[in-house]
Amino acid sequence: MSDKKSPDAPGAGTDVIVETKPKTKKPPLYKVLMLNDDYTPMEFVVHVLERFFQINHSQAIEIMLTVHKKGLAVVGVFPYEIAETKVNQVMDLARKNQHPLQCTFEKE
């Protein structure tokens, strides 16, 4: 007798396919940095922080003072697309108001 099952035997030709769920990684995060300059009014920086980063007034003042004293500050941490959008929004508004305010982002 042979160990091989005949094609008509029950269970012959059946294979079990095991699907594994792909492991998803969280997207990398990026720090949005605001840089100090000697020309942009402090009130404008506070306005930008409140408008684009949804930071309350007292926290916006604290961050603005950190930027002023230390030269830069992290104003938020976001996935790439959001960080890029926020930087573009800040830079566009600064340009429209003729301020040299600089904002950038880097991988955390």
C-alpha atoms as a PDB file:
ATOM      1  CA  MET A   1       0.000   0.000   0.000  1.00  0.00           C
ATOM      2  CA  SER A   2       1.084   3.477  -0.707  1.00  0.00           C
ATOM      3  CA  ASP A   3       1.139   6.384   1.772  1.00  0.00           C
ATOM      4  CA  LYS A   4      -0.237   8.676  -0.900  1.00  0.00           C
ATOM      5  CA  LYS A   5      -3.928   9.413  -0.747  1.00  0.00           C
ATOM      6  CA  SER A   6      -5.921   8.875  -3.830  1.00  0.00           C
ATOM      7  CA  PRO A   7      -7.338  12.044  -5.371  1.00  0.00           C
ATOM      8  CA  ASP A   8     -10.826  10.864  -4.434  1.00  0.00           C
ATOM      9  CA  ALA A   9     -10.036  10.330  -0.729  1.00  0.00           C
ATOM     10  CA  PRO A  10     -11.479  12.861   1.773  1.00  0.00           C
ATOM     11  CA  GLY A  11      -9.007  15.630   2.635  1.00  0.00           C
ATOM     12  CA  ALA A  12      -6.843  14.969  -0.377  1.00  0.00           C
ATOM     13  CA  GLY A  13      -5.482  18.039  -2.081  1.00  0.00           C
ATOM     14  CA  THR A  14      -6.504  20.458   0.678  1.00  0.00           C
ATOM     15  CA  ASP A  15      -3.953  22.896   1.955  1.00  0.00           C
ATOM     16  CA  VAL A  16      -4.425  25.262   4.822  1.00  0.00           C
ATOM     17  CA  ILE A  17      -3.578  28.842   3.998  1.00  0.00           C
ATOM     18  CA  VAL A  18      -2.685  30.912   6.988  1.00  0.00           C
ATOM     19  CA  GLU A  19      -2.991  34.633   6.476  1.00  0.00           C
ATOM     20  CA  THR A  20      -0.820  36.796   8.648  1.00  0.00           C
ATOM     21  CA  LYS A  21      -1.834  40.335   9.330  1.00  0.00           C
ATOM     22  CA  PRO A  22       0.808  42.794   8.227  1.00  0.00           C
ATOM     23  CA  LYS A  23       2.259  44.699  11.141  1.00  0.00           C
ATOM     24  CA  THR A  24       1.694  48.386  10.662  1.00  0.00           C
ATOM     25  CA  LYS A  25       4.148  50.848  12.058  1.00  0.00           C
ATOM     26  CA  LYS A  26       3.196  54.246  13.332  1.00  0.00           C
ATOM     27  CA  PRO A  27       4.317  56.944  10.904  1.00  0.00           C
ATOM     28  CA  PRO A  28       7.485  58.795  11.871  1.00  0.00           C
ATOM     29  CA  LEU A  29       6.884  62.091  13.612  1.00  0.00           C
ATOM     30  CA  TYR A  30       8.405  65.466  12.803  1.00  0.00           C
ATOM     31  CA  LYS A  31       9.097  68.406  15.097  1.00  0.00           C
ATOM     32  CA  VAL A  32       7.952  71.793  13.827  1.00  0.00           C
ATOM     33  CA  LEU A  33      10.479  74.436  14.863  1.00  0.00           C
ATOM     34  CA  MET A  34      10.036  78.175  14.950  1.00  0.00           C
ATOM     35  CA  LEU A  35      13.212  80.249  14.609  1.00  0.00           C
ATOM     36  CA  ASN A  36      13.952  83.631  16.103  1.00  0.00           C
ATOM     37  CA  ASP A  37      14.626  86.755  14.092  1.00  0.00           C
ATOM     38  CA  ASP A  38      15.062  90.373  15.124  1.00  0.00           C
ATOM     39  CA  TYR A  39      12.255  91.804  12.989  1.00  0.00           C
ATOM     40  CA  THR A  40       9.036  89.801  13.323  1.00  0.00           C
ATOM     41  CA  PRO A  41       6.787  91.353  15.987  1.00  0.00           C
ATOM     42  CA  MET A  42       6.173  89.188  19.022  1.00  0.00           C
ATOM     43  CA  GLU A  43       2.416  89.687  18.655  1.00  0.00           C
ATOM     44  CA  PHE A  44       2.552  88.179  15.171  1.00  0.00           C
ATOM     45  CA  VAL A  45       4.365  85.085  16.472  1.00  0.00           C
ATOM     46  CA  VAL A  46       1.729  84.661  19.197  1.00  0.00           C
ATOM     47  CA  HIS A  47      -1.008  85.009  16.565  1.00  0.00           C
ATOM     48  CA  VAL A  48       0.638  82.328  14.377  1.00  0.00           C
ATOM     49  CA  LEU A  49       0.937  79.925  17.309  1.00  0.00           C
ATOM     50  CA  GLU A  50      -2.711  80.394  18.236  1.00  0.00           C
ATOM     51  CA  ARG A  51      -3.991  80.164  14.673  1.00  0.00           C
ATOM     52  CA  PHE A  52      -2.027  77.264  13.212  1.00  0.00           C
ATOM     53  CA  PHE A  53      -1.086  75.247  16.288  1.00  0.00           C
ATOM     54  CA  GLN A  54      -4.234  75.763  18.400  1.00  0.00           C
ATOM     55  CA  ILE A  55      -2.145  76.915  21.357  1.00  0.00           C
ATOM     56  CA  ASN A  56      -3.895  79.030  23.979  1.00  0.00           C
ATOM     57  CA  HIS A  57      -2.792  82.623  24.475  1.00  0.00           C
ATOM     58  CA  SER A  58      -0.691  82.158  27.622  1.00  0.00           C
ATOM     59  CA  GLN A  59       1.135  79.120  26.206  1.00  0.00           C
ATOM     60  CA  ALA A  60       1.694  80.968  22.922  1.00  0.00           C
ATOM     61  CA  ILE A  61       3.351  83.806  24.842  1.00  0.00           C
ATOM     62  CA  GLU A  62       5.588  81.315  26.683  1.00  0.00           C
ATOM     63  CA  ILE A  63       6.643  79.629  23.438  1.00  0.00           C
ATOM     64  CA  MET A  64       7.224  82.983  21.745  1.00  0.00           C
ATOM     65  CA  LEU A  65       9.486  84.036  24.633  1.00  0.00           C
ATOM     66  CA  THR A  66      11.388  80.735  24.393  1.00  0.00           C
ATOM     67  CA  VAL A  67      11.930  81.351  20.675  1.00  0.00           C
ATOM     68  CA  HIS A  68      13.058  84.906  21.453  1.00  0.00           C
ATOM     69  CA  LYS A  69      15.475  83.920  24.226  1.00  0.00           C
ATOM     70  CA  LYS A  70      16.831  80.581  22.983  1.00  0.00           C
ATOM     71  CA  GLY A  71      16.698  81.159  19.236  1.00  0.00           C
ATOM     72  CA  LEU A  72      14.194  78.399  18.463  1.00  0.00           C
ATOM     73  CA  ALA A  73      11.475  76.255  19.995  1.00  0.00           C
ATOM     74  CA  VAL A  74       9.498  73.156  19.116  1.00  0.00           C
ATOM     75  CA  VAL A  75       5.908  74.248  18.535  1.00  0.00           C
ATOM     76  CA  GLY A  76       4.436  70.837  17.755  1.00  0.00           C
ATOM     77  CA  VAL A  77       5.100  67.243  16.714  1.00  0.00           C
ATOM     78  CA  PHE A  78       3.165  65.798  13.770  1.00  0.00           C
ATOM     79  CA  PRO A  79       3.244  63.219  10.978  1.00  0.00           C
ATOM     80  CA  TYR A  80       5.165  64.398   7.897  1.00  0.00           C
ATOM     81  CA  GLU A  81       2.247  65.754   5.841  1.00  0.00           C
ATOM     82  CA  ILE A  82       0.778  67.733   8.727  1.00  0.00           C
ATOM     83  CA  ALA A  83       4.163  69.153   9.741  1.00  0.00           C
ATOM     84  CA  GLU A  84       4.839  70.183   6.147  1.00  0.00           C
ATOM     85  CA  THR A  85       1.414  71.830   5.838  1.00  0.00           C
ATOM     86  CA  LYS A  86       1.814  73.781   9.071  1.00  0.00           C
ATOM     87  CA  VAL A  87       5.261  75.043   8.062  1.00  0.00           C
ATOM     88  CA  ASN A  88       3.880  76.153   4.689  1.00  0.00           C
ATOM     89  CA  GLN A  89       0.941  77.928   6.342  1.00  0.00           C
ATOM     90  CA  VAL A  90       3.244  79.813   8.718  1.00  0.00           C
ATOM     91  CA  MET A  91       5.675  80.772   5.973  1.00  0.00           C
ATOM     92  CA  ASP A  92       2.885  81.923   3.627  1.00  0.00           C
ATOM     93  CA  LEU A  93       1.286  84.122   6.290  1.00  0.00           C
ATOM     94  CA  ALA A  94       4.667  85.573   7.280  1.00  0.00           C
ATOM     95  CA  ARG A  95       5.456  86.361   3.644  1.00  0.00           C
ATOM     96  CA  LYS A  96       2.044  87.988   3.088  1.00  0.00           C
ATOM     97  CA  ASN A  97       2.650  90.178   6.124  1.00  0.00           C
ATOM     98  CA  GLN A  98       6.233  90.914   5.049  1.00  0.00           C
ATOM     99  CA  HIS A  99       7.815  89.295   8.103  1.00  0.00           C
ATOM    100  CA  PRO A 100      11.018  87.235   7.912  1.00  0.00           C
ATOM    101  CA  LEU A 101       9.686  84.635  10.380  1.00  0.00           C
ATOM    102  CA  GLN A 102      11.173  81.202   9.723  1.00  0.00           C
ATOM    103  CA  CYS A 103       9.579  77.874  10.494  1.00  0.00           C
ATOM    104  CA  THR A 104      10.930  74.447   9.633  1.00  0.00           C
ATOM    105  CA  PHE A 105      10.556  70.800  10.580  1.00  0.00           C
ATOM    106  CA  GLU A 106      12.836  67.862  11.240  1.00  0.00           C
ATOM    107  CA  LYS A 107      12.443  64.194  12.021  1.00  0.00           C
ATOM    108  CA  GLU A 108      12.003  63.487  15.700  1.00  0.00           C
END
